[in-house]
Amino acid sequence: MKSRICKLLLSQPISNTQRQASTIETQKSHGREIKLGISAVESNIVQSYCESKAFSDAHQLFDEMSDWDVVSATTIISRFAQHRRHKDAISLFSTMLVMNVRPNEFTFGTVTHSSTALQDLNLGKQLHACEAKIGLESNVFVGSAILDLYAKLSAIEEARSAFDDTHEPNVVSYTTLICGYLKKEMFDDALGLFQAMPKRNVVSWNAMIGGHS
């Protein structure tokens, strides 16, 4: 699936009883929507499946639908990612590409974070290449996700490059790279970046203090 991606472009816990009841109601609702001819996208059926933790049903319905737009598809992918179903999020992203739905910055930001959670640096690099190809890597949301990926997976040179490519990096961008430097025990680089920050917050201060303790 990983190589396929690039080729295509080149809540609180719920008890089991509550979850089952919610799933049954969602399935009933889905049946009514089909009879009435109402789009499952418009009725948010897939999102309801996600909320009731019926992920296999949500995934199946996503695959069966053919009229997704980028906002709806990204929303569903984000729901899977929020529930830590990161492999599913990547799989749905691949399906989205097959449907010729062009991802936006929020789609890429979400799946890049999923690749970070999966600790899949190779996948993250492929996503980065795709983002760069369509001109999204300078977007602050996408850039922050790329930077977070490289910093957390200790690819520090790529992290610095992603930071430099980010248009108007914010305090989160600075702090993420600082933490990446500290993780690699590059204290001088971390201090230099900290001093260059136009604005600092508690997290950036704590990172520096913790890194030198």
Protein backbone atom coordinates (compact mmCIF):
# COMPACT_ATOMS: atom_id res chain seq x y z
CA MET A 1 0.00 0.00 0.00
CA LYS A 2 2.88 2.35 0.80
CA SER A 3 4.29 2.51 -2.72
CA ARG A 4 0.77 2.62 -4.09
CA ILE A 5 0.10 5.94 -2.38
CA CYS A 6 2.82 7.79 -4.28
CA LYS A 7 1.96 6.07 -7.50
CA LEU A 8 -1.59 7.27 -7.25
CA LEU A 9 -0.44 10.84 -6.85
CA LEU A 10 2.38 10.73 -9.52
CA SER A 11 -14.78 11.27 22.80
CA GLN A 12 -15.02 9.22 25.69
CA PRO A 13 -14.83 5.42 25.99
CA ILE A 14 -18.15 3.64 25.39
CA SER A 15 -19.19 0.45 27.18
CA ASN A 16 -19.68 -2.69 25.09
CA THR A 17 -23.43 -2.67 25.71
CA GLN A 18 -23.78 0.97 24.70
CA ARG A 19 -21.55 0.39 21.71
CA GLN A 20 -23.62 -2.56 20.45
CA ALA A 21 -26.86 -0.64 20.90
CA SER A 22 -25.44 2.36 19.08
CA THR A 23 -24.23 0.17 16.22
CA ILE A 24 -27.65 -1.45 15.83
CA GLU A 25 -29.33 1.96 15.71
CA THR A 26 -26.81 3.18 13.15
CA GLN A 27 -27.42 0.11 10.98
CA LYS A 28 -31.18 0.69 11.18
CA SER A 29 -30.68 4.32 10.23
CA HIS A 30 -28.45 3.30 7.34
CA GLY A 31 -31.18 0.99 6.06
CA ARG A 32 -33.73 3.80 6.19
CA GLU A 33 -31.40 6.16 4.33
CA ILE A 34 -30.88 3.61 1.55
CA LYS A 35 -34.64 3.11 1.14
CA LEU A 36 -35.16 6.86 0.96
CA GLY A 37 -32.30 7.30 -1.47
CA ILE A 38 -30.44 9.69 0.84
CA SER A 39 -26.65 9.80 0.54
CA ALA A 40 -24.80 8.07 3.35
CA VAL A 41 -22.28 10.90 3.21
CA GLU A 42 -24.92 13.54 3.88
CA SER A 43 -26.48 11.57 6.71
CA ASN A 44 -23.11 11.06 8.43
CA ILE A 45 -23.67 7.32 8.72
CA VAL A 46 -19.97 6.54 8.51
CA GLN A 47 -19.22 9.00 11.29
CA SER A 48 -21.91 7.36 13.41
CA TYR A 49 -20.28 3.98 12.87
CA CYS A 50 -16.96 5.45 13.99
CA GLU A 51 -18.47 6.95 17.12
CA SER A 52 -20.04 3.59 18.03
CA LYS A 53 -16.68 1.89 17.36
CA ALA A 54 -18.13 -0.17 14.49
CA PHE A 55 -14.99 0.43 12.46
CA SER A 56 -15.38 -2.52 10.08
CA ASP A 57 -18.84 -1.25 9.09
CA ALA A 58 -17.49 2.28 8.66
CA HIS A 59 -14.59 1.05 6.55
CA GLN A 60 -16.86 -1.09 4.37
CA LEU A 61 -19.31 1.74 3.76
CA PHE A 62 -16.46 4.11 2.92
CA ASP A 63 -15.19 1.63 0.32
CA GLU A 64 -18.67 1.18 -1.16
CA MET A 65 -19.47 4.87 -1.58
CA SER A 66 -18.41 6.59 -4.80
CA ASP A 67 -19.44 10.20 -4.24
CA TRP A 68 -16.98 11.33 -1.59
CA ASP A 69 -15.65 14.87 -1.65
CA VAL A 70 -12.41 15.92 0.03
CA VAL A 71 -14.11 17.41 3.10
CA SER A 72 -16.26 14.35 3.82
CA ALA A 73 -13.45 11.88 3.16
CA THR A 74 -10.98 13.82 5.29
CA THR A 75 -13.48 14.01 8.14
CA ILE A 76 -13.89 10.22 8.14
CA ILE A 77 -10.15 9.61 7.93
CA SER A 78 -9.68 11.99 10.86
CA ARG A 79 -12.26 10.08 12.90
CA PHE A 80 -10.31 6.85 12.42
CA ALA A 81 -7.07 8.59 13.36
CA GLN A 82 -8.66 10.12 16.47
CA HIS A 83 -9.61 6.62 17.58
CA ARG A 84 -6.02 5.47 16.95
CA ARG A 85 -7.03 3.38 13.97
CA HIS A 86 -4.03 4.66 12.08
CA LYS A 87 -3.62 1.73 9.68
CA ASP A 88 -7.26 2.12 8.72
CA ALA A 89 -6.75 5.86 8.24
CA ILE A 90 -3.91 5.17 5.80
CA SER A 91 -5.99 2.51 4.03
CA LEU A 92 -8.91 4.92 3.63
CA PHE A 93 -6.51 7.56 2.32
CA SER A 94 -5.40 5.10 -0.36
CA THR A 95 -9.05 4.42 -1.24
CA MET A 96 -9.64 8.16 -1.45
CA LEU A 97 -6.87 8.44 -4.03
CA VAL A 98 -8.31 5.57 -6.07
CA MET A 99 -11.57 7.54 -6.16
CA ASN A 100 -9.63 10.48 -7.62
CA VAL A 101 -10.47 12.69 -4.66
CA ARG A 102 -7.63 15.20 -4.35
CA PRO A 103 -6.36 15.47 -0.74
CA ASN A 104 -6.03 18.87 0.91
CA GLU A 105 -3.71 20.12 3.66
CA PHE A 106 -5.91 18.65 6.40
CA THR A 107 -5.96 15.22 4.76
CA PHE A 108 -2.19 15.17 4.46
CA GLY A 109 -1.69 16.52 7.97
CA THR A 110 -3.87 13.75 9.39
CA VAL A 111 -2.27 10.83 7.55
CA THR A 112 1.22 12.20 8.23
CA HIS A 113 0.41 12.16 11.94
CA SER A 114 -0.85 8.59 11.51
CA SER A 115 2.45 7.55 9.93
CA THR A 116 4.21 9.12 12.92
CA ALA A 117 2.00 7.17 15.33
CA LEU A 118 2.83 3.99 13.39
CA GLN A 119 6.53 4.95 13.52
CA ASP A 120 6.65 4.39 9.78
CA LEU A 121 9.35 6.75 8.54
CA ASN A 122 9.31 5.33 5.01
CA LEU A 123 5.60 5.98 4.63
CA GLY A 124 6.06 9.46 6.09
CA LYS A 125 8.75 10.24 3.52
CA GLN A 126 6.46 9.11 0.71
CA LEU A 127 3.69 11.34 2.00
CA HIS A 128 6.16 14.21 2.28
CA ALA A 129 7.18 13.71 -1.36
CA CYS A 130 3.53 13.76 -2.41
CA GLU A 131 2.86 16.90 -0.37
CA ALA A 132 5.84 18.64 -1.95
CA LYS A 133 4.71 17.59 -5.43
CA ILE A 134 1.39 19.40 -5.09
CA GLY A 135 2.88 22.38 -3.24
CA LEU A 136 1.60 21.78 0.29
CA GLU A 137 4.81 21.31 2.26
CA SER A 138 5.05 25.04 3.08
CA ASN A 139 1.55 25.00 4.59
CA VAL A 140 1.91 25.43 8.35
CA PHE A 141 -0.44 22.53 9.18
CA VAL A 142 1.25 20.12 6.80
CA GLY A 143 4.71 21.45 7.62
CA SER A 144 4.14 20.95 11.35
CA ALA A 145 3.02 17.36 10.74
CA ILE A 146 6.10 16.65 8.60
CA LEU A 147 8.38 18.27 11.17
CA ASP A 148 6.77 16.26 13.98
CA LEU A 149 7.25 13.05 11.97
CA TYR A 150 10.97 13.57 11.42
CA ALA A 151 11.69 14.94 14.89
CA LYS A 152 9.93 12.10 16.70
CA LEU A 153 11.48 9.44 14.48
CA SER A 154 14.97 10.96 14.93
CA ALA A 155 15.48 11.97 11.30
CA ILE A 156 16.94 15.27 12.47
CA GLU A 157 18.36 16.52 9.16
CA GLU A 158 15.01 16.02 7.47
CA ALA A 159 13.35 17.70 10.47
CA ARG A 160 15.52 20.80 10.06
CA SER A 161 14.80 20.88 6.34
CA ALA A 162 11.06 20.62 7.01
CA PHE A 163 11.34 23.45 9.53
CA ASP A 164 13.13 25.66 6.99
CA ASP A 165 10.46 24.89 4.38
CA THR A 166 7.60 25.85 6.72
CA HIS A 167 6.12 29.25 5.93
CA GLU A 168 6.13 31.35 9.12
CA PRO A 169 6.88 28.56 11.64
CA ASN A 170 5.00 29.00 14.89
CA VAL A 171 5.92 28.25 18.50
CA VAL A 172 4.88 24.61 18.04
CA SER A 173 7.21 24.26 15.06
CA TYR A 174 10.13 25.69 17.02
CA THR A 175 9.43 23.55 20.07
CA THR A 176 9.07 20.37 18.01
CA LEU A 177 12.49 20.84 16.41
CA ILE A 178 14.04 21.79 19.75
CA CYS A 179 12.74 18.53 21.23
CA GLY A 180 14.16 16.69 18.23
CA TYR A 181 17.58 18.25 18.81
CA LEU A 182 17.46 17.42 22.51
CA LYS A 183 16.49 13.83 21.76
CA LYS A 184 19.67 13.55 19.69
CA GLU A 185 21.64 15.38 22.42
CA MET A 186 22.38 18.27 20.05
CA PHE A 187 22.24 20.80 22.87
CA ASP A 188 23.95 23.70 21.08
CA ASP A 189 21.54 23.46 18.15
CA ALA A 190 18.59 23.30 20.54
CA LEU A 191 19.80 26.35 22.45
CA GLY A 192 20.46 28.32 19.28
CA LEU A 193 16.96 27.63 17.99
CA PHE A 194 15.45 28.43 21.38
CA GLN A 195 17.19 31.80 21.43
CA ALA A 196 15.99 32.50 17.89
CA MET A 197 12.34 31.89 18.80
CA PRO A 198 10.27 35.07 18.37
CA LYS A 199 7.96 33.84 21.12
CA ARG A 200 8.33 31.16 23.78
CA ASN A 201 5.78 29.28 25.85
CA VAL A 202 5.80 26.97 28.87
CA VAL A 203 6.33 23.89 26.71
CA SER A 204 9.43 25.29 25.01
CA TRP A 205 10.89 26.41 28.36
CA ASN A 206 10.19 23.01 29.92
CA ALA A 207 11.79 21.27 26.94
CA MET A 208 15.00 23.26 27.33
CA ILE A 209 15.11 22.86 31.10
CA GLY A 210 14.40 19.13 30.88
CA GLY A 211 16.96 18.65 28.13
CA HIS A 212 19.74 20.21 30.19
CA SER A 213 18.86 18.61 33.51
